Every structure is written in C-alpha cells, then in structure tokens.
Amino acid sequence: MEGSIPLDSLLPYFGCVIRRTPEGVALTGASHNHMNAAALTPRVYRAPFTLRAVARTDSTNLRLYWHLGEIILNWECSVRELRVHDPATGQQWGIENQGFITPGEWHESEWRVTADSMRLLVDGRQRFASEGAYSGIEAPLAVGPCFGSTVTVRELSVSSG
C-alpha cells in the first residue's frame, strides 16, 4: 500500500467535481449548497498508514476523510479551529488555534493512523494526537472541499506505518 496515488484515479463522491489542472486536480462541489464533496481513493486502507496530501484551499475547508474520520482545516465556522472526527466513533473535537492554513498556499498534511492512535501534522508541525481503536476499519481515503471552497491537490500518497 505504499506510494503515490495517481490523481487521475480519484473517484468523485457526493457531487465532487474533479478537474485536471497544470498543478494537479481542483476539487469543487456541484450540489446546491456545495456540501461535503470528496474525491475518494479507488481502494480501501487499514491501519497503520500515513496519508500525505500536498494541497491548498482557495478559502475554507480543506478536508481529509477515512471511514467516520474527518480532519477539517480552515473550518467554515471558525478558520482557526481544527475540527477532528474520530474514524471509529465519529466523536468530534474542536481544537482552538490549530486549524488555520493560509489560503492560496500549498500545505503538507500528514494523517498518521495506527491500530490505537492517530495524529495530524501540518507543514511538519503536530496539530493533533489522540488514542483510539482503529485496527478493524477498512475504508477508502478521501480529500475534498466544502461549502463552496475549491481544494487543489498537487500530491497524494499513502505509506504503511
């Protein structure tokens, strides 16, 4: 399960529009309220893994997904608050002053999930860590925009461990 995920292999989900650009792929939502659009990986993943995304948002809502899990950078309700949903339970956390990324700039996000923990690094700095029970989950990974944002993905990769 090592290596780069070809951007042209991503599958649209929830009305996600995937448009090829010279820099990668631009993701937008097509629904009337532009909610929860995502580009899914064509295969499923189990812990341990690290999802690495080099991406930017034009405004708000750069989101990463796995099963019930969700990472929200530049959340539309408070761009400075990091939103995290636990992949196994859906429990939600809001972490003040950990969610902001500069719109229009490239950022590297790493979501590391093991059988019993997860952590998020953005541009090499840890923004969140917790414990959980993730060994029984098998699901695709995804990246996407929300509420009218456009997320451009330059690189997407998965490594074990």
C-alpha atoms as a PDB file:
ATOM      1  CA  MET A   1       0.000   0.000   0.000  1.00  0.00           C
ATOM      2  CA  GLU A   2       2.993   2.262  -0.423  1.00  0.00           C
ATOM      3  CA  GLY A   3       3.333   5.162  -2.749  1.00  0.00           C
ATOM      4  CA  SER A   4       1.746   7.904  -4.697  1.00  0.00           C
ATOM      5  CA  ILE A   5      -1.938   7.789  -5.534  1.00  0.00           C
ATOM      6  CA  PRO A   6      -2.433   8.802  -9.168  1.00  0.00           C
ATOM      7  CA  LEU A   7      -4.616  11.906  -9.074  1.00  0.00           C
ATOM      8  CA  ASP A   8      -6.488  10.756 -12.182  1.00  0.00           C
ATOM      9  CA  SER A   9      -7.589   7.620 -10.283  1.00  0.00           C
ATOM     10  CA  LEU A  10      -9.598   9.594  -7.683  1.00  0.00           C
ATOM     11  CA  LEU A  11     -13.328   8.937  -7.738  1.00  0.00           C
ATOM     12  CA  PRO A  12     -15.928  11.684  -7.274  1.00  0.00           C
ATOM     13  CA  TYR A  13     -18.226  11.293  -4.269  1.00  0.00           C
ATOM     14  CA  PHE A  14     -21.129  13.422  -3.016  1.00  0.00           C
ATOM     15  CA  GLY A  15     -21.158  15.591  -6.134  1.00  0.00           C
ATOM     16  CA  CYS A  16     -17.439  16.250  -6.229  1.00  0.00           C
ATOM     17  CA  VAL A  17     -16.260  17.778  -9.480  1.00  0.00           C
ATOM     18  CA  ILE A  18     -12.666  16.775 -10.244  1.00  0.00           C
ATOM     19  CA  ARG A  19     -10.956  18.996 -12.786  1.00  0.00           C
ATOM     20  CA  ARG A  20      -7.401  18.422 -14.037  1.00  0.00           C
ATOM     21  CA  THR A  21      -5.174  21.498 -13.790  1.00  0.00           C
ATOM     22  CA  PRO A  22      -1.483  22.058 -14.622  1.00  0.00           C
ATOM     23  CA  GLU A  23      -0.788  21.868 -10.846  1.00  0.00           C
ATOM     24  CA  GLY A  24      -2.802  18.718 -10.053  1.00  0.00           C
ATOM     25  CA  VAL A  25      -6.561  18.379  -9.586  1.00  0.00           C
ATOM     26  CA  ALA A  26      -9.048  21.009  -8.453  1.00  0.00           C
ATOM     27  CA  LEU A  27     -11.949  19.725  -6.364  1.00  0.00           C
ATOM     28  CA  THR A  28     -15.268  21.543  -6.028  1.00  0.00           C
ATOM     29  CA  GLY A  29     -18.795  20.609  -5.038  1.00  0.00           C
ATOM     30  CA  ALA A  30     -21.638  20.508  -7.549  1.00  0.00           C
ATOM     31  CA  SER A  31     -24.593  20.316  -5.150  1.00  0.00           C
ATOM     32  CA  HIS A  32     -26.813  23.323  -4.484  1.00  0.00           C
ATOM     33  CA  ASN A  33     -25.080  24.032  -1.161  1.00  0.00           C
ATOM     34  CA  HIS A  34     -21.646  22.646  -2.126  1.00  0.00           C
ATOM     35  CA  MET A  35     -21.525  20.422   0.984  1.00  0.00           C
ATOM     36  CA  ASN A  36     -19.193  17.523   1.679  1.00  0.00           C
ATOM     37  CA  ALA A  37     -17.825  16.848  -1.791  1.00  0.00           C
ATOM     38  CA  ALA A  38     -14.912  14.417  -1.744  1.00  0.00           C
ATOM     39  CA  ALA A  39     -12.516  12.631  -4.088  1.00  0.00           C
ATOM     40  CA  LEU A  40     -12.091   9.003  -2.963  1.00  0.00           C
ATOM     41  CA  THR A  41      -9.153   6.678  -3.439  1.00  0.00           C
ATOM     42  CA  PRO A  42     -10.023   3.693  -5.644  1.00  0.00           C
ATOM     43  CA  ARG A  43      -9.027   1.215  -2.938  1.00  0.00           C
ATOM     44  CA  VAL A  44      -9.503   0.777   0.799  1.00  0.00           C
ATOM     45  CA  TYR A  45      -6.899   1.095   3.556  1.00  0.00           C
ATOM     46  CA  ARG A  46      -6.360  -0.363   7.018  1.00  0.00           C
ATOM     47  CA  ALA A  47      -4.244   0.986   9.867  1.00  0.00           C
ATOM     48  CA  PRO A  48      -1.352   1.527  10.131  1.00  0.00           C
ATOM     49  CA  PHE A  49      -0.969   4.090   7.371  1.00  0.00           C
ATOM     50  CA  THR A  50       0.032   7.684   6.744  1.00  0.00           C
ATOM     51  CA  LEU A  51      -1.985   9.738   4.310  1.00  0.00           C
ATOM     52  CA  ARG A  52       0.101  12.601   2.924  1.00  0.00           C
ATOM     53  CA  ALA A  53      -1.547  15.392   0.952  1.00  0.00           C
ATOM     54  CA  VAL A  54       0.053  18.458  -0.559  1.00  0.00           C
ATOM     55  CA  ALA A  55      -2.900  20.714  -1.216  1.00  0.00           C
ATOM     56  CA  ARG A  56      -4.293  24.212  -0.918  1.00  0.00           C
ATOM     57  CA  THR A  57      -7.689  25.777  -0.444  1.00  0.00           C
ATOM     58  CA  ASP A  58      -8.827  28.988  -2.026  1.00  0.00           C
ATOM     59  CA  SER A  59     -10.706  29.945   1.156  1.00  0.00           C
ATOM     60  CA  THR A  60     -12.002  27.448   3.716  1.00  0.00           C
ATOM     61  CA  ASN A  61     -12.470  23.716   4.226  1.00  0.00           C
ATOM     62  CA  LEU A  62      -9.590  21.517   3.227  1.00  0.00           C
ATOM     63  CA  ARG A  63     -10.895  18.153   4.441  1.00  0.00           C
ATOM     64  CA  LEU A  64      -9.400  14.654   4.772  1.00  0.00           C
ATOM     65  CA  TYR A  65     -11.588  11.568   5.329  1.00  0.00           C
ATOM     66  CA  TRP A  66     -11.289   7.932   6.392  1.00  0.00           C
ATOM     67  CA  HIS A  67     -14.364   5.922   7.466  1.00  0.00           C
ATOM     68  CA  LEU A  68     -16.118   8.112  10.106  1.00  0.00           C
ATOM     69  CA  GLY A  69     -12.962  10.181  10.457  1.00  0.00           C
ATOM     70  CA  GLU A  70     -12.629  13.698   9.205  1.00  0.00           C
ATOM     71  CA  ILE A  71      -9.951  16.366   9.511  1.00  0.00           C
ATOM     72  CA  ILE A  72     -11.091  19.916   8.740  1.00  0.00           C
ATOM     73  CA  LEU A  73      -8.556  22.685   8.208  1.00  0.00           C
ATOM     74  CA  ASN A  74      -9.934  26.229   7.763  1.00  0.00           C
ATOM     75  CA  TRP A  75     -13.354  25.165   9.057  1.00  0.00           C
ATOM     76  CA  GLU A  76     -16.063  27.464   7.706  1.00  0.00           C
ATOM     77  CA  CYS A  77     -17.413  28.308  11.186  1.00  0.00           C
ATOM     78  CA  SER A  78     -14.013  29.243  12.633  1.00  0.00           C
ATOM     79  CA  VAL A  79     -10.949  29.026  10.385  1.00  0.00           C
ATOM     80  CA  ARG A  80      -8.594  28.936  13.370  1.00  0.00           C
ATOM     81  CA  GLU A  81     -10.282  25.906  14.966  1.00  0.00           C
ATOM     82  CA  LEU A  82      -9.162  22.444  13.867  1.00  0.00           C
ATOM     83  CA  ARG A  83     -12.068  20.015  13.615  1.00  0.00           C
ATOM     84  CA  VAL A  84     -11.356  16.299  14.048  1.00  0.00           C
ATOM     85  CA  HIS A  85     -13.836  13.414  13.890  1.00  0.00           C
ATOM     86  CA  ASP A  86     -12.694  10.051  15.266  1.00  0.00           C
ATOM     87  CA  PRO A  87     -12.569   7.395  12.495  1.00  0.00           C
ATOM     88  CA  ALA A  88     -14.048   4.653  14.707  1.00  0.00           C
ATOM     89  CA  THR A  89     -16.684   6.503  16.730  1.00  0.00           C
ATOM     90  CA  GLY A  90     -17.352   9.780  14.947  1.00  0.00           C
ATOM     91  CA  GLN A  91     -16.626  11.676  18.189  1.00  0.00           C
ATOM     92  CA  GLN A  92     -15.784  15.287  17.363  1.00  0.00           C
ATOM     93  CA  TRP A  93     -13.138  17.585  18.768  1.00  0.00           C
ATOM     94  CA  GLY A  94     -12.571  21.281  18.200  1.00  0.00           C
ATOM     95  CA  ILE A  95      -9.014  22.412  18.898  1.00  0.00           C
ATOM     96  CA  GLU A  96      -8.560  26.168  19.135  1.00  0.00           C
ATOM     97  CA  ASN A  97      -5.797  27.836  17.120  1.00  0.00           C
ATOM     98  CA  GLN A  98      -4.729  24.630  15.348  1.00  0.00           C
ATOM     99  CA  GLY A  99      -6.870  24.682  12.194  1.00  0.00           C
ATOM    100  CA  PHE A 100      -5.690  27.636  10.138  1.00  0.00           C
ATOM    101  CA  ILE A 101      -3.767  27.259   6.903  1.00  0.00           C
ATOM    102  CA  THR A 102      -3.082  30.193   4.614  1.00  0.00           C
ATOM    103  CA  PRO A 103      -5.488  30.133   1.645  1.00  0.00           C
ATOM    104  CA  GLY A 104      -3.796  30.022  -1.744  1.00  0.00           C
ATOM    105  CA  GLU A 105      -0.608  28.453  -0.388  1.00  0.00           C
ATOM    106  CA  TRP A 106       0.489  24.824  -0.599  1.00  0.00           C
ATOM    107  CA  HIS A 107       0.427  22.906   2.688  1.00  0.00           C
ATOM    108  CA  GLU A 108       1.579  19.387   3.505  1.00  0.00           C
ATOM    109  CA  SER A 109      -0.782  17.423   5.758  1.00  0.00           C
ATOM    110  CA  GLU A 110       0.090  14.019   7.206  1.00  0.00           C
ATOM    111  CA  TRP A 111      -2.614  11.990   8.917  1.00  0.00           C
ATOM    112  CA  ARG A 112      -0.915   9.074  10.688  1.00  0.00           C
ATOM    113  CA  VAL A 113      -3.215   6.305  11.897  1.00  0.00           C
ATOM    114  CA  THR A 114      -2.064   3.221  13.814  1.00  0.00           C
ATOM    115  CA  ALA A 115      -4.126   0.441  15.362  1.00  0.00           C
ATOM    116  CA  ASP A 116      -4.530   2.508  18.552  1.00  0.00           C
ATOM    117  CA  SER A 117      -3.691   6.151  17.800  1.00  0.00           C
ATOM    118  CA  MET A 118      -3.763   8.928  15.274  1.00  0.00           C
ATOM    119  CA  ARG A 119      -2.051  12.243  14.802  1.00  0.00           C
ATOM    120  CA  LEU A 120      -2.076  15.094  12.355  1.00  0.00           C
ATOM    121  CA  LEU A 121       0.944  17.038  11.193  1.00  0.00           C
ATOM    122  CA  VAL A 122       0.605  20.147   9.023  1.00  0.00           C
ATOM    123  CA  ASP A 123       3.743  21.529   7.435  1.00  0.00           C
ATOM    124  CA  GLY A 124       5.780  19.320   9.770  1.00  0.00           C
ATOM    125  CA  ARG A 125       4.134  20.566  12.980  1.00  0.00           C
ATOM    126  CA  GLN A 126       1.899  18.335  15.087  1.00  0.00           C
ATOM    127  CA  ARG A 127      -1.573  19.806  15.430  1.00  0.00           C
ATOM    128  CA  PHE A 128      -3.481  16.904  16.982  1.00  0.00           C
ATOM    129  CA  ALA A 129      -2.932  13.471  18.567  1.00  0.00           C
ATOM    130  CA  SER A 130      -5.267  11.003  20.258  1.00  0.00           C
ATOM    131  CA  GLU A 131      -5.763   7.365  21.074  1.00  0.00           C
ATOM    132  CA  GLY A 132      -8.455   5.141  19.598  1.00  0.00           C
ATOM    133  CA  ALA A 133      -9.294   1.690  18.258  1.00  0.00           C
ATOM    134  CA  TYR A 134      -8.712   1.683  14.510  1.00  0.00           C
ATOM    135  CA  SER A 135      -7.470  -1.833  13.698  1.00  0.00           C
ATOM    136  CA  GLY A 136     -10.814  -3.148  12.428  1.00  0.00           C
ATOM    137  CA  ILE A 137     -11.531  -0.341   9.978  1.00  0.00           C
ATOM    138  CA  GLU A 138     -11.170  -0.776   6.245  1.00  0.00           C
ATOM    139  CA  ALA A 139     -12.251   2.184   4.108  1.00  0.00           C
ATOM    140  CA  PRO A 140     -11.131   4.426   1.272  1.00  0.00           C
ATOM    141  CA  LEU A 141      -9.316   7.661   1.971  1.00  0.00           C
ATOM    142  CA  ALA A 142     -10.583  10.953   0.596  1.00  0.00           C
ATOM    143  CA  VAL A 143      -9.818  14.641   0.266  1.00  0.00           C
ATOM    144  CA  GLY A 144     -12.232  17.424  -0.532  1.00  0.00           C
ATOM    145  CA  PRO A 145     -13.699  20.885  -0.264  1.00  0.00           C
ATOM    146  CA  CYS A 146     -16.918  22.023   1.395  1.00  0.00           C
ATOM    147  CA  PHE A 147     -19.329  24.975   1.364  1.00  0.00           C
ATOM    148  CA  GLY A 148     -18.049  26.474  -1.875  1.00  0.00           C
ATOM    149  CA  SER A 149     -14.307  26.171  -1.422  1.00  0.00           C
ATOM    150  CA  THR A 150     -12.017  24.837  -4.120  1.00  0.00           C
ATOM    151  CA  VAL A 151      -9.269  22.491  -2.970  1.00  0.00           C
ATOM    152  CA  THR A 152      -6.381  21.848  -5.334  1.00  0.00           C
ATOM    153  CA  VAL A 153      -4.352  18.691  -4.712  1.00  0.00           C
ATOM    154  CA  ARG A 154      -0.797  18.537  -6.040  1.00  0.00           C
ATOM    155  CA  GLU A 155       0.278  15.246  -4.405  1.00  0.00           C
ATOM    156  CA  LEU A 156      -1.496  12.438  -2.580  1.00  0.00           C
ATOM    157  CA  SER A 157       0.283   9.384  -1.177  1.00  0.00           C
ATOM    158  CA  VAL A 158      -0.131   6.607   1.355  1.00  0.00           C
ATOM    159  CA  SER A 159       2.569   4.735   3.211  1.00  0.00           C
ATOM    160  CA  SER A 160       2.330   1.938   5.736  1.00  0.00           C
ATOM    161  CA  GLY A 161       3.075   2.763   9.329  1.00  0.00           C
END
